[in-house]
């Protein structure tokens, strides 16, 4: 699915997604690994790092997740994965 950057819904979801990234907050993060495995974890965000045009989340566990692999933070879906919420569940 192609992301339409002109679509106002993209900017709304981007704002909601980014506003959920709060250092020191305990959140549920859903993300994809390098092998496209879907991971769901409850963890504290240590910081959002921006360097050389790349962004990633550093977690209190020491894990580092590229922001472009994060599907959702506290239920706020990333605009990179607009239809993904329909396929994930708390099974």
C-alpha atoms as a PDB file:
ATOM      1  CA  UNK A   1       0.000   0.000   0.000  1.00  0.00           C
ATOM      2  CA  UNK A   2       1.382   3.379  -0.986  1.00  0.00           C
ATOM      3  CA  UNK A   3       1.423   6.173   1.594  1.00  0.00           C
ATOM      4  CA  UNK A   4      -0.136   9.405   0.380  1.00  0.00           C
ATOM      5  CA  UNK A   5       1.746  12.303   1.978  1.00  0.00           C
ATOM      6  CA  UNK A   6      -0.846  14.832   0.788  1.00  0.00           C
ATOM      7  CA  UNK A   7      -3.646  13.066   2.670  1.00  0.00           C
ATOM      8  CA  UNK A   8      -4.593  14.971   5.878  1.00  0.00           C
ATOM      9  CA  UNK A   9      -5.237  11.612   7.593  1.00  0.00           C
ATOM     10  CA  UNK A  10      -1.528  10.820   7.192  1.00  0.00           C
ATOM     11  CA  UNK A  11      -0.535  13.937   9.130  1.00  0.00           C
ATOM     12  CA  UNK A  12      -3.186  13.308  11.806  1.00  0.00           C
ATOM     13  CA  UNK A  13      -1.992   9.751  12.355  1.00  0.00           C
ATOM     14  CA  UNK A  14       1.662  10.848  12.274  1.00  0.00           C
ATOM     15  CA  UNK A  15       0.936  13.413  14.996  1.00  0.00           C
ATOM     16  CA  UNK A  16      -0.959  10.901  17.161  1.00  0.00           C
ATOM     17  CA  UNK A  17       1.766   8.293  16.673  1.00  0.00           C
ATOM     18  CA  UNK A  18       4.604  10.664  17.564  1.00  0.00           C
ATOM     19  CA  UNK A  19       2.741  12.164  20.525  1.00  0.00           C
ATOM     20  CA  UNK A  20       2.626   8.668  22.062  1.00  0.00           C
ATOM     21  CA  UNK A  21       6.448   8.511  22.108  1.00  0.00           C
ATOM     22  CA  UNK A  22       7.195   9.938  25.541  1.00  0.00           C
ATOM     23  CA  UNK A  23      10.551   9.186  27.179  1.00  0.00           C
ATOM     24  CA  UNK A  24      10.054   7.623  30.607  1.00  0.00           C
ATOM     25  CA  UNK A  25       6.563   6.380  29.802  1.00  0.00           C
ATOM     26  CA  UNK A  26       5.613   2.693  30.085  1.00  0.00           C
ATOM     27  CA  UNK A  27       3.865   1.740  26.827  1.00  0.00           C
ATOM     28  CA  UNK A  28       2.896  -1.179  24.629  1.00  0.00           C
ATOM     29  CA  UNK A  29       4.987  -1.206  21.448  1.00  0.00           C
ATOM     30  CA  UNK A  30       4.231  -3.344  18.418  1.00  0.00           C
ATOM     31  CA  UNK A  31       7.001  -3.635  15.852  1.00  0.00           C
ATOM     32  CA  UNK A  32       8.502  -5.775  13.107  1.00  0.00           C
ATOM     33  CA  UNK A  33      11.940  -7.374  13.424  1.00  0.00           C
ATOM     34  CA  UNK A  34      14.503  -7.627  10.625  1.00  0.00           C
ATOM     35  CA  UNK A  35      12.889 -10.996   9.802  1.00  0.00           C
ATOM     36  CA  UNK A  36       9.398  -9.386   9.661  1.00  0.00           C
ATOM     37  CA  UNK A  37       8.341 -11.066  12.906  1.00  0.00           C
ATOM     38  CA  UNK A  38       5.553  -9.201  14.682  1.00  0.00           C
ATOM     39  CA  UNK A  39       6.577  -8.416  18.288  1.00  0.00           C
ATOM     40  CA  UNK A  40       4.370  -6.932  20.979  1.00  0.00           C
ATOM     41  CA  UNK A  41       6.007  -5.790  24.222  1.00  0.00           C
ATOM     42  CA  UNK A  42       5.271  -3.609  27.227  1.00  0.00           C
ATOM     43  CA  UNK A  43       8.285  -1.454  28.018  1.00  0.00           C
ATOM     44  CA  UNK A  44       9.502   1.983  29.079  1.00  0.00           C
ATOM     45  CA  UNK A  45      10.770   4.278  26.323  1.00  0.00           C
ATOM     46  CA  UNK A  46      14.199   5.619  27.227  1.00  0.00           C
ATOM     47  CA  UNK A  47      14.543   8.044  24.315  1.00  0.00           C
ATOM     48  CA  UNK A  48      13.809   8.801  20.669  1.00  0.00           C
ATOM     49  CA  UNK A  49      17.128   9.211  18.865  1.00  0.00           C
ATOM     50  CA  UNK A  50      17.588  11.118  15.592  1.00  0.00           C
ATOM     51  CA  UNK A  51      20.938  10.817  13.868  1.00  0.00           C
ATOM     52  CA  UNK A  52      21.991  11.165  10.214  1.00  0.00           C
ATOM     53  CA  UNK A  53      18.385  11.166   9.010  1.00  0.00           C
ATOM     54  CA  UNK A  54      17.542   7.976  10.896  1.00  0.00           C
ATOM     55  CA  UNK A  55      15.274   7.654  13.925  1.00  0.00           C
ATOM     56  CA  UNK A  56      15.019   4.861  16.439  1.00  0.00           C
ATOM     57  CA  UNK A  57      13.604   4.160  19.865  1.00  0.00           C
ATOM     58  CA  UNK A  58      15.930   3.229  22.656  1.00  0.00           C
ATOM     59  CA  UNK A  59      14.083   1.223  25.298  1.00  0.00           C
ATOM     60  CA  UNK A  60      14.830   0.871  29.012  1.00  0.00           C
ATOM     61  CA  UNK A  61      15.651  -2.796  28.318  1.00  0.00           C
ATOM     62  CA  UNK A  62      18.559  -1.671  26.131  1.00  0.00           C
ATOM     63  CA  UNK A  63      16.805  -2.736  22.917  1.00  0.00           C
ATOM     64  CA  UNK A  64      16.948  -0.365  19.961  1.00  0.00           C
ATOM     65  CA  UNK A  65      14.118  -0.369  17.395  1.00  0.00           C
ATOM     66  CA  UNK A  66      14.244   1.603  14.137  1.00  0.00           C
ATOM     67  CA  UNK A  67      11.226   3.920  14.124  1.00  0.00           C
ATOM     68  CA  UNK A  68      10.293   2.815  10.608  1.00  0.00           C
ATOM     69  CA  UNK A  69       9.685  -0.717  11.991  1.00  0.00           C
ATOM     70  CA  UNK A  70       7.370   0.414  14.813  1.00  0.00           C
ATOM     71  CA  UNK A  71       3.758  -0.472  13.985  1.00  0.00           C
ATOM     72  CA  UNK A  72       2.142   1.187  17.003  1.00  0.00           C
ATOM     73  CA  UNK A  73       2.859   2.851  20.336  1.00  0.00           C
ATOM     74  CA  UNK A  74       0.126   2.663  22.992  1.00  0.00           C
ATOM     75  CA  UNK A  75      -2.420   1.805  20.301  1.00  0.00           C
ATOM     76  CA  UNK A  76      -1.455   4.758  18.090  1.00  0.00           C
ATOM     77  CA  UNK A  77      -0.838   3.222  14.690  1.00  0.00           C
ATOM     78  CA  UNK A  78       2.105   4.425  12.616  1.00  0.00           C
ATOM     79  CA  UNK A  79       1.075   6.005   9.298  1.00  0.00           C
ATOM     80  CA  UNK A  80       3.589   3.611   7.665  1.00  0.00           C
ATOM     81  CA  UNK A  81       1.240   0.731   8.534  1.00  0.00           C
ATOM     82  CA  UNK A  82      -2.251   2.171   7.911  1.00  0.00           C
ATOM     83  CA  UNK A  83      -4.105  -1.141   7.618  1.00  0.00           C
ATOM     84  CA  UNK A  84      -1.991  -3.172   9.993  1.00  0.00           C
ATOM     85  CA  UNK A  85      -4.286  -2.656  12.982  1.00  0.00           C
ATOM     86  CA  UNK A  86      -6.901  -4.794  11.253  1.00  0.00           C
ATOM     87  CA  UNK A  87      -4.559  -7.795  11.253  1.00  0.00           C
ATOM     88  CA  UNK A  88      -3.118  -7.716  14.754  1.00  0.00           C
ATOM     89  CA  UNK A  89      -4.949  -8.908  17.825  1.00  0.00           C
ATOM     90  CA  UNK A  90      -4.518  -9.656  21.520  1.00  0.00           C
ATOM     91  CA  UNK A  91      -4.956 -13.379  20.945  1.00  0.00           C
END
